[in-house]
Amino acid sequence: MAMGWCHASPWAAGVRGTAQLLLKNEAAAGKEFADLRSSAAPLLGGRLRPHCAPEVGRACLETGMTSETERHLRFAIKAPRCRVNPGPFVSFDLLSSTLADSCLGKLLEQSGRKAEAINAYQEFLGHFENSTAKLPQIAEAQAAR
């Protein structure tokens, strides 16, 4: 938290928000992330959202912020598929976007939406059909189907 308060940049609110998530203070984290969005949006025009959405979604899932989780994960999954040019300083991380399907499956399963979870896991596993990757998410998704 101290690091988030000692800097005057727009990103300081994101640091404070992350600290609040770790402290399990969802209301305060939400306020900090809202402050981050409002201060960074004029600078970036929203171009970085696709880049950080998978990680924000995963952080929300791990801290139990389910309403925020689904919104970020669905955006992370959809953004690279839209083929929108985010600008010269942003590129899509396709692995993170793909892993968002696995996180979404986990969220949907925890929420009791089993059929939707299976679809998300299937979408995720479809990227690894002929792969020798040893990602733990692959084993989790296979076990959940």
N, C-alpha and C. Protein backbone atom coordinates (compact mmCIF):
# COMPACT_ATOMS: atom_id res chain seq x y z
N MET A 1 0.84 -1.20 0.00
CA MET A 1 0.00 0.00 0.00
C MET A 1 0.88 1.25 0.00
N ALA A 2 1.98 1.19 0.75
CA ALA A 2 2.85 2.36 0.83
C ALA A 2 3.38 2.74 -0.54
N MET A 3 3.73 1.74 -1.34
CA MET A 3 4.23 2.02 -2.68
C MET A 3 3.16 2.72 -3.51
N GLY A 4 1.92 2.32 -3.36
CA GLY A 4 0.83 2.93 -4.10
C GLY A 4 0.54 4.36 -3.68
N TRP A 5 0.89 4.71 -2.46
CA TRP A 5 0.63 6.07 -1.99
C TRP A 5 1.81 7.00 -2.23
N CYS A 6 3.02 6.47 -2.46
CA CYS A 6 4.17 7.36 -2.61
C CYS A 6 4.40 7.82 -4.04
N HIS A 7 3.61 7.32 -4.99
CA HIS A 7 3.76 7.73 -6.39
C HIS A 7 2.55 8.52 -6.84
N ALA A 8 2.78 9.49 -7.71
CA ALA A 8 1.69 10.33 -8.19
C ALA A 8 1.17 9.89 -9.56
N SER A 9 1.70 8.82 -10.13
CA SER A 9 1.28 8.39 -11.47
C SER A 9 -0.11 7.78 -11.42
N PRO A 10 -0.79 7.71 -12.56
CA PRO A 10 -2.12 7.08 -12.60
C PRO A 10 -2.06 5.60 -12.20
N TRP A 11 -0.90 4.97 -12.35
CA TRP A 11 -0.77 3.53 -12.08
C TRP A 11 -0.75 3.24 -10.58
N ALA A 12 -0.53 4.25 -9.76
CA ALA A 12 -0.48 4.04 -8.32
C ALA A 12 -1.78 3.45 -7.79
N ALA A 13 -2.90 3.86 -8.36
CA ALA A 13 -4.19 3.32 -7.93
C ALA A 13 -4.27 1.82 -8.21
N GLY A 14 -3.66 1.37 -9.29
CA GLY A 14 -3.62 -0.06 -9.60
C GLY A 14 -2.80 -0.84 -8.58
N VAL A 15 -1.71 -0.25 -8.14
CA VAL A 15 -0.89 -0.88 -7.10
C VAL A 15 -1.68 -0.98 -5.81
N ARG A 16 -2.37 0.10 -5.46
CA ARG A 16 -3.19 0.07 -4.24
C ARG A 16 -4.34 -0.92 -4.37
N GLY A 17 -4.95 -0.98 -5.55
CA GLY A 17 -6.04 -1.93 -5.78
C GLY A 17 -5.58 -3.37 -5.63
N THR A 18 -4.40 -3.66 -6.18
CA THR A 18 -3.85 -5.01 -6.05
C THR A 18 -3.57 -5.34 -4.59
N ALA A 19 -3.03 -4.37 -3.86
CA ALA A 19 -2.78 -4.58 -2.43
C ALA A 19 -4.09 -4.84 -1.69
N GLN A 20 -5.13 -4.10 -2.04
CA GLN A 20 -6.43 -4.30 -1.39
C GLN A 20 -7.00 -5.69 -1.70
N LEU A 21 -6.78 -6.17 -2.95
CA LEU A 21 -7.22 -7.53 -3.28
C LEU A 21 -6.52 -8.55 -2.40
N LEU A 22 -5.22 -8.37 -2.25
CA LEU A 22 -4.45 -9.30 -1.41
C LEU A 22 -4.90 -9.26 0.05
N LEU A 23 -5.38 -8.10 0.47
CA LEU A 23 -5.89 -7.95 1.84
C LEU A 23 -7.35 -8.37 1.95
N LYS A 24 -7.92 -8.83 0.81
CA LYS A 24 -9.31 -9.30 0.74
C LYS A 24 -10.32 -8.20 1.05
N ASN A 25 -9.97 -6.98 0.67
CA ASN A 25 -10.87 -5.85 0.85
C ASN A 25 -11.42 -5.48 -0.52
N GLU A 26 -12.47 -6.19 -0.94
CA GLU A 26 -13.01 -6.04 -2.29
C GLU A 26 -13.56 -4.65 -2.56
N ALA A 27 -14.23 -4.06 -1.62
CA ALA A 27 -14.82 -2.73 -1.84
C ALA A 27 -13.73 -1.70 -2.09
N ALA A 28 -12.70 -1.72 -1.27
CA ALA A 28 -11.60 -0.76 -1.45
C ALA A 28 -10.85 -1.04 -2.76
N ALA A 29 -10.67 -2.31 -3.10
CA ALA A 29 -10.00 -2.66 -4.36
C ALA A 29 -10.81 -2.15 -5.54
N GLY A 30 -12.11 -2.34 -5.51
CA GLY A 30 -12.97 -1.86 -6.58
C GLY A 30 -12.87 -0.36 -6.76
N LYS A 31 -12.81 0.37 -5.66
CA LYS A 31 -12.68 1.83 -5.74
C LYS A 31 -11.34 2.20 -6.37
N GLU A 32 -10.28 1.54 -5.95
CA GLU A 32 -8.95 1.85 -6.51
C GLU A 32 -8.90 1.54 -8.00
N PHE A 33 -9.46 0.40 -8.41
CA PHE A 33 -9.45 0.06 -9.84
C PHE A 33 -10.31 1.03 -10.64
N ALA A 34 -11.40 1.50 -10.05
CA ALA A 34 -12.22 2.51 -10.72
C ALA A 34 -11.42 3.81 -10.89
N ASP A 35 -10.67 4.18 -9.85
CA ASP A 35 -9.82 5.37 -9.94
C ASP A 35 -8.75 5.18 -11.02
N LEU A 36 -8.19 3.98 -11.08
CA LEU A 36 -7.19 3.68 -12.10
C LEU A 36 -7.78 3.83 -13.50
N ARG A 37 -8.96 3.24 -13.71
CA ARG A 37 -9.61 3.35 -15.03
C ARG A 37 -9.86 4.80 -15.41
N SER A 38 -10.38 5.58 -14.48
CA SER A 38 -10.72 6.97 -14.82
C SER A 38 -9.47 7.81 -15.05
N SER A 39 -8.37 7.52 -14.37
CA SER A 39 -7.17 8.32 -14.58
C SER A 39 -6.36 7.85 -15.78
N ALA A 40 -6.41 6.56 -16.09
CA ALA A 40 -5.60 6.04 -17.20
C ALA A 40 -6.33 6.11 -18.54
N ALA A 41 -7.64 6.08 -18.54
CA ALA A 41 -8.40 6.07 -19.79
C ALA A 41 -8.07 7.25 -20.70
N PRO A 42 -7.98 8.47 -20.18
CA PRO A 42 -7.63 9.58 -21.08
C PRO A 42 -6.24 9.43 -21.69
N LEU A 43 -5.35 8.79 -20.95
CA LEU A 43 -3.98 8.61 -21.46
C LEU A 43 -3.89 7.51 -22.50
N LEU A 44 -4.67 6.47 -22.31
CA LEU A 44 -4.51 5.28 -23.15
C LEU A 44 -5.68 5.02 -24.09
N GLY A 45 -6.80 5.61 -23.81
CA GLY A 45 -7.97 5.35 -24.64
C GLY A 45 -8.43 3.91 -24.55
N GLY A 46 -8.13 3.22 -23.47
CA GLY A 46 -8.58 1.84 -23.28
C GLY A 46 -7.75 0.81 -24.01
N ARG A 47 -6.63 1.20 -24.63
CA ARG A 47 -5.87 0.25 -25.44
C ARG A 47 -5.16 -0.83 -24.64
N LEU A 48 -4.92 -0.62 -23.38
CA LEU A 48 -4.22 -1.64 -22.60
C LEU A 48 -5.14 -2.67 -21.97
N ARG A 49 -6.43 -2.44 -21.99
CA ARG A 49 -7.36 -3.36 -21.35
C ARG A 49 -7.22 -4.79 -21.89
N PRO A 50 -7.15 -4.99 -23.20
CA PRO A 50 -6.99 -6.37 -23.68
C PRO A 50 -5.72 -7.04 -23.17
N HIS A 51 -4.70 -6.23 -22.96
CA HIS A 51 -3.42 -6.77 -22.53
C HIS A 51 -3.43 -7.27 -21.09
N CYS A 52 -4.15 -6.58 -20.22
CA CYS A 52 -4.11 -6.95 -18.80
C CYS A 52 -5.36 -7.70 -18.34
N ALA A 53 -6.38 -7.80 -19.17
CA ALA A 53 -7.63 -8.44 -18.76
C ALA A 53 -7.46 -9.87 -18.28
N PRO A 54 -6.62 -10.72 -18.94
CA PRO A 54 -6.49 -12.09 -18.43
C PRO A 54 -5.94 -12.14 -17.01
N GLU A 55 -4.93 -11.33 -16.73
CA GLU A 55 -4.32 -11.34 -15.40
C GLU A 55 -5.26 -10.76 -14.35
N VAL A 56 -5.97 -9.71 -14.71
CA VAL A 56 -6.93 -9.12 -13.77
C VAL A 56 -8.04 -10.13 -13.48
N GLY A 57 -8.53 -10.80 -14.52
CA GLY A 57 -9.56 -11.83 -14.33
C GLY A 57 -9.10 -12.95 -13.43
N ARG A 58 -7.87 -13.42 -13.66
CA ARG A 58 -7.33 -14.49 -12.83
C ARG A 58 -7.16 -14.04 -11.38
N ALA A 59 -6.69 -12.80 -11.18
CA ALA A 59 -6.54 -12.26 -9.82
C ALA A 59 -7.90 -12.17 -9.13
N CYS A 60 -8.90 -11.72 -9.87
CA CYS A 60 -10.25 -11.63 -9.29
C CYS A 60 -10.78 -13.01 -8.92
N LEU A 61 -10.52 -14.02 -9.77
CA LEU A 61 -10.95 -15.39 -9.48
C LEU A 61 -10.30 -15.90 -8.20
N GLU A 62 -8.99 -15.68 -8.10
CA GLU A 62 -8.25 -16.18 -6.94
C GLU A 62 -8.63 -15.48 -5.64
N THR A 63 -9.16 -14.28 -5.74
CA THR A 63 -9.55 -13.55 -4.54
C THR A 63 -11.05 -13.58 -4.29
N GLY A 64 -11.80 -14.30 -5.14
CA GLY A 64 -13.23 -14.48 -4.91
C GLY A 64 -14.12 -13.35 -5.40
N MET A 65 -13.61 -12.47 -6.23
CA MET A 65 -14.43 -11.36 -6.77
C MET A 65 -15.12 -11.86 -8.03
N THR A 66 -16.14 -12.71 -7.87
CA THR A 66 -16.73 -13.41 -9.01
C THR A 66 -17.40 -12.51 -10.03
N SER A 67 -18.04 -11.44 -9.60
CA SER A 67 -18.71 -10.58 -10.59
C SER A 67 -17.69 -9.90 -11.49
N GLU A 68 -16.58 -9.48 -10.94
CA GLU A 68 -15.52 -8.86 -11.73
C GLU A 68 -14.81 -9.90 -12.59
N THR A 69 -14.65 -11.10 -12.07
CA THR A 69 -13.91 -12.15 -12.76
C THR A 69 -14.48 -12.43 -14.14
N GLU A 70 -15.76 -12.70 -14.20
CA GLU A 70 -16.37 -13.10 -15.47
C GLU A 70 -16.25 -12.00 -16.52
N ARG A 71 -16.45 -10.76 -16.11
CA ARG A 71 -16.37 -9.65 -17.05
C ARG A 71 -14.98 -9.55 -17.67
N HIS A 72 -13.94 -9.63 -16.85
CA HIS A 72 -12.57 -9.52 -17.35
C HIS A 72 -12.18 -10.73 -18.20
N LEU A 73 -12.55 -11.93 -17.77
CA LEU A 73 -12.18 -13.12 -18.53
C LEU A 73 -12.88 -13.15 -19.88
N ARG A 74 -14.15 -12.82 -19.91
CA ARG A 74 -14.85 -12.83 -21.21
C ARG A 74 -14.25 -11.79 -22.16
N PHE A 75 -13.85 -10.66 -21.64
CA PHE A 75 -13.20 -9.66 -22.48
C PHE A 75 -11.84 -10.18 -22.96
N ALA A 76 -11.09 -10.81 -22.08
CA ALA A 76 -9.77 -11.34 -22.45
C ALA A 76 -9.87 -12.39 -23.55
N ILE A 77 -10.93 -13.17 -23.52
CA ILE A 77 -11.14 -14.21 -24.52
C ILE A 77 -11.57 -13.59 -25.84
N LYS A 78 -12.41 -12.60 -25.78
CA LYS A 78 -13.01 -12.02 -26.98
C LYS A 78 -12.06 -11.04 -27.71
N ALA A 79 -11.31 -10.26 -26.98
CA ALA A 79 -10.52 -9.18 -27.58
C ALA A 79 -9.57 -9.63 -28.69
N PRO A 80 -8.76 -10.67 -28.49
CA PRO A 80 -7.84 -11.06 -29.57
C PRO A 80 -8.57 -11.58 -30.80
N ARG A 81 -9.75 -12.11 -30.63
CA ARG A 81 -10.52 -12.67 -31.74
C ARG A 81 -11.18 -11.57 -32.58
N CYS A 82 -11.26 -10.37 -32.03
CA CYS A 82 -11.87 -9.26 -32.76
C CYS A 82 -10.93 -8.64 -33.78
N ARG A 83 -9.67 -8.96 -33.68
CA ARG A 83 -8.64 -8.45 -34.59
C ARG A 83 -8.64 -6.92 -34.64
N VAL A 84 -8.83 -6.31 -33.51
CA VAL A 84 -8.76 -4.86 -33.42
C VAL A 84 -7.30 -4.48 -33.21
N ASN A 85 -6.83 -3.49 -33.93
CA ASN A 85 -5.45 -3.04 -33.76
C ASN A 85 -5.38 -2.19 -32.50
N PRO A 86 -4.71 -2.68 -31.44
CA PRO A 86 -4.69 -1.94 -30.19
C PRO A 86 -3.69 -0.79 -30.19
N GLY A 87 -2.87 -0.67 -31.20
CA GLY A 87 -1.88 0.40 -31.25
C GLY A 87 -0.48 -0.16 -31.28
N PRO A 88 0.50 0.69 -31.49
CA PRO A 88 1.86 0.22 -31.68
C PRO A 88 2.55 -0.31 -30.43
N PHE A 89 2.05 0.01 -29.25
CA PHE A 89 2.73 -0.40 -28.03
C PHE A 89 2.06 -1.56 -27.33
N VAL A 90 1.02 -2.12 -27.92
CA VAL A 90 0.27 -3.20 -27.28
C VAL A 90 0.14 -4.36 -28.25
N SER A 91 0.44 -5.55 -27.77
CA SER A 91 0.19 -6.75 -28.57
C SER A 91 -0.59 -7.72 -27.69
N PHE A 92 -1.36 -8.58 -28.33
CA PHE A 92 -2.14 -9.54 -27.57
C PHE A 92 -1.27 -10.72 -27.18
N ASP A 93 -1.42 -11.18 -25.98
CA ASP A 93 -0.74 -12.37 -25.51
C ASP A 93 -1.72 -13.52 -25.68
N LEU A 94 -1.56 -14.29 -26.75
CA LEU A 94 -2.53 -15.34 -27.07
C LEU A 94 -2.56 -16.44 -26.02
N LEU A 95 -1.43 -16.74 -25.39
CA LEU A 95 -1.44 -17.76 -24.35
C LEU A 95 -2.29 -17.29 -23.17
N SER A 96 -2.12 -16.05 -22.76
CA SER A 96 -2.93 -15.54 -21.64
C SER A 96 -4.40 -15.54 -21.99
N SER A 97 -4.71 -15.18 -23.23
CA SER A 97 -6.10 -15.19 -23.67
C SER A 97 -6.65 -16.62 -23.66
N THR A 98 -5.85 -17.57 -24.09
CA THR A 98 -6.26 -18.97 -24.09
C THR A 98 -6.44 -19.48 -22.66
N LEU A 99 -5.53 -19.12 -21.78
CA LEU A 99 -5.65 -19.54 -20.38
C LEU A 99 -6.88 -18.93 -19.71
N ALA A 100 -7.36 -17.82 -20.25
CA ALA A 100 -8.59 -17.21 -19.71
C ALA A 100 -9.77 -18.16 -19.86
N ASP A 101 -9.79 -18.98 -20.94
CA ASP A 101 -10.85 -19.97 -21.09
C ASP A 101 -10.85 -20.96 -19.93
N SER A 102 -9.65 -21.37 -19.51
CA SER A 102 -9.53 -22.30 -18.39
C SER A 102 -10.04 -21.65 -17.10
N CYS A 103 -9.65 -20.40 -16.87
CA CYS A 103 -10.11 -19.68 -15.67
C CYS A 103 -11.62 -19.50 -15.70
N LEU A 104 -12.15 -19.19 -16.89
CA LEU A 104 -13.59 -19.02 -17.01
C LEU A 104 -14.30 -20.34 -16.69
N GLY A 105 -13.75 -21.44 -17.17
CA GLY A 105 -14.32 -22.75 -16.85
C GLY A 105 -14.36 -22.99 -15.35
N LYS A 106 -13.28 -22.64 -14.68
CA LYS A 106 -13.20 -22.81 -13.23
C LYS A 106 -14.24 -21.95 -12.53
N LEU A 107 -14.38 -20.69 -12.96
CA LEU A 107 -15.37 -19.79 -12.37
C LEU A 107 -16.79 -20.34 -12.56
N LEU A 108 -17.08 -20.74 -13.80
CA LEU A 108 -18.43 -21.25 -14.10
C LEU A 108 -18.73 -22.52 -13.31
N GLU A 109 -17.72 -23.37 -13.17
CA GLU A 109 -17.90 -24.60 -12.38
C GLU A 109 -18.18 -24.26 -10.92
N GLN A 110 -17.42 -23.31 -10.36
CA GLN A 110 -17.63 -22.90 -8.98
C GLN A 110 -19.00 -22.26 -8.78
N SER A 111 -19.52 -21.64 -9.84
CA SER A 111 -20.82 -20.97 -9.78
C SER A 111 -21.98 -21.91 -10.04
N GLY A 112 -21.69 -23.20 -10.26
CA GLY A 112 -22.74 -24.19 -10.51
C GLY A 112 -23.25 -24.19 -11.94
N ARG A 113 -22.56 -23.55 -12.84
CA ARG A 113 -22.97 -23.49 -14.24
C ARG A 113 -22.16 -24.53 -15.04
N LYS A 114 -22.41 -25.79 -14.73
CA LYS A 114 -21.59 -26.91 -15.22
C LYS A 114 -21.54 -26.99 -16.75
N ALA A 115 -22.68 -26.85 -17.43
CA ALA A 115 -22.69 -26.97 -18.89
C ALA A 115 -21.83 -25.87 -19.53
N GLU A 116 -21.93 -24.65 -19.01
CA GLU A 116 -21.11 -23.56 -19.54
C GLU A 116 -19.63 -23.79 -19.22
N ALA A 117 -19.37 -24.35 -18.04
CA ALA A 117 -17.99 -24.64 -17.66
C ALA A 117 -17.38 -25.66 -18.61
N ILE A 118 -18.13 -26.69 -18.93
CA ILE A 118 -17.63 -27.72 -19.85
C ILE A 118 -17.32 -27.09 -21.21
N ASN A 119 -18.18 -26.20 -21.67
CA ASN A 119 -17.92 -25.51 -22.95
C ASN A 119 -16.63 -24.69 -22.89
N ALA A 120 -16.42 -23.99 -21.79
CA ALA A 120 -15.20 -23.18 -21.65
C ALA A 120 -13.97 -24.09 -21.61
N TYR A 121 -14.07 -25.19 -20.88
CA TYR A 121 -12.95 -26.14 -20.83
C TYR A 121 -12.68 -26.74 -22.20
N GLN A 122 -13.73 -27.06 -22.94
CA GLN A 122 -13.58 -27.63 -24.29
C GLN A 122 -12.88 -26.63 -25.20
N GLU A 123 -13.29 -25.37 -25.12
CA GLU A 123 -12.67 -24.31 -25.92
C GLU A 123 -11.18 -24.22 -25.59
N PHE A 124 -10.88 -24.26 -24.30
CA PHE A 124 -9.48 -24.21 -23.86
C PHE A 124 -8.70 -25.41 -24.38
N LEU A 125 -9.23 -26.60 -24.18
CA LEU A 125 -8.52 -27.81 -24.59
C LEU A 125 -8.35 -27.90 -26.10
N GLY A 126 -9.26 -27.28 -26.85
CA GLY A 126 -9.15 -27.28 -28.30
C GLY A 126 -7.85 -26.66 -28.80
N HIS A 127 -7.27 -25.79 -28.02
CA HIS A 127 -6.00 -25.15 -28.40
C HIS A 127 -4.81 -26.08 -28.19
N PHE A 128 -5.02 -27.18 -27.49
CA PHE A 128 -3.90 -28.05 -27.13
C PHE A 128 -4.09 -29.49 -27.61
N GLU A 129 -4.93 -29.70 -28.62
CA GLU A 129 -5.24 -31.06 -29.08
C GLU A 129 -4.01 -31.89 -29.44
N ASN A 130 -3.09 -31.32 -30.17
CA ASN A 130 -1.89 -32.06 -30.60
C ASN A 130 -0.65 -31.53 -29.91
N SER A 131 -0.82 -31.02 -28.75
CA SER A 131 0.28 -30.38 -28.03
C SER A 131 0.90 -31.33 -27.01
N THR A 132 2.16 -31.12 -26.75
CA THR A 132 2.84 -31.86 -25.69
C THR A 132 3.03 -30.99 -24.45
N ALA A 133 2.35 -29.86 -24.42
CA ALA A 133 2.45 -28.94 -23.28
C ALA A 133 2.03 -29.64 -21.99
N LYS A 134 2.68 -29.29 -20.93
CA LYS A 134 2.42 -29.89 -19.62
C LYS A 134 1.83 -28.87 -18.64
N LEU A 135 0.98 -28.01 -19.15
CA LEU A 135 0.36 -26.99 -18.29
C LEU A 135 -0.59 -27.64 -17.29
N PRO A 136 -0.56 -27.21 -16.04
CA PRO A 136 -1.49 -27.79 -15.05
C PRO A 136 -2.95 -27.51 -15.42
N GLN A 137 -3.21 -26.42 -16.13
CA GLN A 137 -4.58 -26.09 -16.52
C GLN A 137 -5.15 -27.13 -17.48
N ILE A 138 -4.29 -27.77 -18.27
CA ILE A 138 -4.77 -28.80 -19.19
C ILE A 138 -5.30 -29.98 -18.41
N ALA A 139 -4.55 -30.45 -17.43
CA ALA A 139 -4.99 -31.58 -16.61
C ALA A 139 -6.26 -31.23 -15.84
N GLU A 140 -6.33 -30.01 -15.31
CA GLU A 140 -7.53 -29.57 -14.57
C GLU A 140 -8.76 -29.56 -15.48
N ALA A 141 -8.59 -29.03 -16.69
CA ALA A 141 -9.71 -28.96 -17.62
C ALA A 141 -10.16 -30.35 -18.06
N GLN A 142 -9.20 -31.25 -18.29
CA GLN A 142 -9.54 -32.62 -18.68
C GLN A 142 -10.29 -33.33 -17.56
N ALA A 143 -9.88 -33.10 -16.33
CA ALA A 143 -10.54 -33.74 -15.19
C ALA A 143 -11.95 -33.19 -14.96
N ALA A 144 -12.15 -31.93 -15.31
CA ALA A 144 -13.44 -31.29 -15.04
C ALA A 144 -14.52 -31.63 -16.08
N ARG A 145 -14.13 -32.08 -17.26
CA ARG A 145 -15.12 -32.34 -18.31
C ARG A 145 -15.97 -33.52 -18.00
